[in-house]
């Protein structure tokens, strides 16, 4: 399939799916000393704050899930730009020490 046909197909798909902005998946690394020792209440509170800021920013940014490991929280977000991820972090008061766009997702079925 030519590049022109791929762009046309993506445009048609976006039109029929109601997509407004192209989404990119990002991994955000947040350095938070003692993160893995945070209580359920503390995790609930930062989740509520994140959700509040996400609601203010609108539907273009979505929190998928996060992993707490050691002194870091690794967050998965869908957004049209790194700038919007940074705005969320700034407004919520969260660190965003590293933001990386996901290039490709693989899983066990990739081996088939």
Protein backbone atom coordinates (compact mmCIF):
# COMPACT_ATOMS: atom_id res chain seq x y z
CA UNK A 1 0.00 0.00 0.00
CA UNK A 2 1.41 3.39 -0.95
CA UNK A 3 1.91 6.17 1.59
CA UNK A 4 -0.89 8.12 -0.08
CA UNK A 5 -3.30 5.20 0.32
CA UNK A 6 -2.25 4.72 3.95
CA UNK A 7 -2.92 8.38 4.73
CA UNK A 8 -6.30 8.19 2.99
CA UNK A 9 -7.22 5.02 4.90
CA UNK A 10 -6.20 6.61 8.22
CA UNK A 11 -8.24 9.73 7.41
CA UNK A 12 -11.34 7.69 6.59
CA UNK A 13 -10.90 5.59 9.75
CA UNK A 14 -10.52 8.74 11.88
CA UNK A 15 -13.64 10.25 10.30
CA UNK A 16 -15.81 7.21 10.96
CA UNK A 17 -14.44 6.57 14.44
CA UNK A 18 -15.01 10.17 15.50
CA UNK A 19 -11.33 10.70 16.28
CA UNK A 20 -10.36 14.35 16.47
CA UNK A 21 -6.67 14.24 17.31
CA UNK A 22 -4.16 11.48 16.69
CA UNK A 23 -3.25 9.79 19.94
CA UNK A 24 0.23 8.67 20.89
CA UNK A 25 1.01 6.41 23.82
CA UNK A 26 3.59 7.70 26.30
CA UNK A 27 5.45 6.23 29.26
CA UNK A 28 6.09 8.77 32.00
CA UNK A 29 8.74 8.04 34.60
CA UNK A 30 8.10 9.87 37.86
CA UNK A 31 10.83 9.81 40.50
CA UNK A 32 9.09 9.86 43.88
CA UNK A 33 11.23 8.77 46.84
CA UNK A 34 9.39 6.08 48.80
CA UNK A 35 6.75 5.61 46.12
CA UNK A 36 6.44 1.87 46.78
CA UNK A 37 5.82 2.58 50.46
CA UNK A 38 2.90 4.93 49.81
CA UNK A 39 -0.32 3.94 51.57
CA UNK A 40 -3.52 3.06 49.74
CA UNK A 41 -4.89 6.39 50.92
CA UNK A 42 -1.93 8.31 49.49
CA UNK A 43 -2.23 6.48 46.18
CA UNK A 44 -5.97 7.21 46.16
CA UNK A 45 -5.34 10.90 46.80
CA UNK A 46 -2.78 11.32 44.01
CA UNK A 47 -5.08 9.37 41.68
CA UNK A 48 -7.95 11.70 42.50
CA UNK A 49 -5.74 14.74 41.88
CA UNK A 50 -4.61 13.30 38.55
CA UNK A 51 -8.21 12.61 37.52
CA UNK A 52 -9.24 16.15 38.50
CA UNK A 53 -6.53 17.71 36.32
CA UNK A 54 -7.32 15.30 33.46
CA UNK A 55 -10.96 16.39 33.57
CA UNK A 56 -9.86 20.05 33.38
CA UNK A 57 -7.59 19.32 30.39
CA UNK A 58 -10.36 17.58 28.45
CA UNK A 59 -10.74 14.30 26.56
CA UNK A 60 -7.54 14.49 24.50
CA UNK A 61 -5.42 13.10 27.34
CA UNK A 62 -6.14 9.78 29.03
CA UNK A 63 -4.44 7.97 31.89
CA UNK A 64 -4.28 4.27 31.03
CA UNK A 65 -2.55 2.86 34.13
CA UNK A 66 0.51 3.16 36.33
CA UNK A 67 3.08 0.88 37.92
CA UNK A 68 4.66 1.66 41.29
CA UNK A 69 8.18 0.23 41.60
CA UNK A 70 10.79 1.27 44.12
CA UNK A 71 11.17 5.04 44.10
CA UNK A 72 9.36 5.50 40.80
CA UNK A 73 5.91 5.48 39.31
CA UNK A 74 5.71 4.56 35.63
CA UNK A 75 2.55 5.92 34.03
CA UNK A 76 1.00 5.03 30.69
CA UNK A 77 -0.89 7.87 29.03
CA UNK A 78 -2.50 8.46 25.65
CA UNK A 79 -2.24 12.02 24.38
CA UNK A 80 -1.69 13.90 21.13
CA UNK A 81 1.57 15.46 22.36
CA UNK A 82 4.31 15.41 24.96
CA UNK A 83 3.39 19.02 25.74
CA UNK A 84 -0.02 17.97 27.06
CA UNK A 85 1.63 15.32 29.27
CA UNK A 86 3.94 18.03 30.67
CA UNK A 87 0.98 20.36 31.27
CA UNK A 88 -0.81 17.64 33.24
CA UNK A 89 2.29 17.01 35.38
CA UNK A 90 2.78 20.73 36.04
CA UNK A 91 -0.85 21.38 36.98
CA UNK A 92 -1.00 18.30 39.24
CA UNK A 93 2.39 19.03 40.81
CA UNK A 94 3.78 15.64 39.77
CA UNK A 95 7.31 15.12 38.52
CA UNK A 96 7.69 13.93 34.94
CA UNK A 97 11.37 13.09 34.91
CA UNK A 98 11.26 11.25 31.61
CA UNK A 99 8.55 11.16 28.95
CA UNK A 100 9.01 8.62 26.20
CA UNK A 101 6.74 8.06 23.21
CA UNK A 102 6.01 4.38 22.61
CA UNK A 103 7.27 3.37 19.17
CA UNK A 104 5.78 -0.13 18.99
CA UNK A 105 3.91 -2.44 21.33
CA UNK A 106 4.82 -6.12 21.36
CA UNK A 107 3.48 -9.05 23.34
CA UNK A 108 3.69 -12.87 23.24
CA UNK A 109 1.60 -12.96 20.07
CA UNK A 110 4.29 -10.97 18.25
CA UNK A 111 6.31 -14.21 18.10
CA UNK A 112 3.68 -15.89 15.94
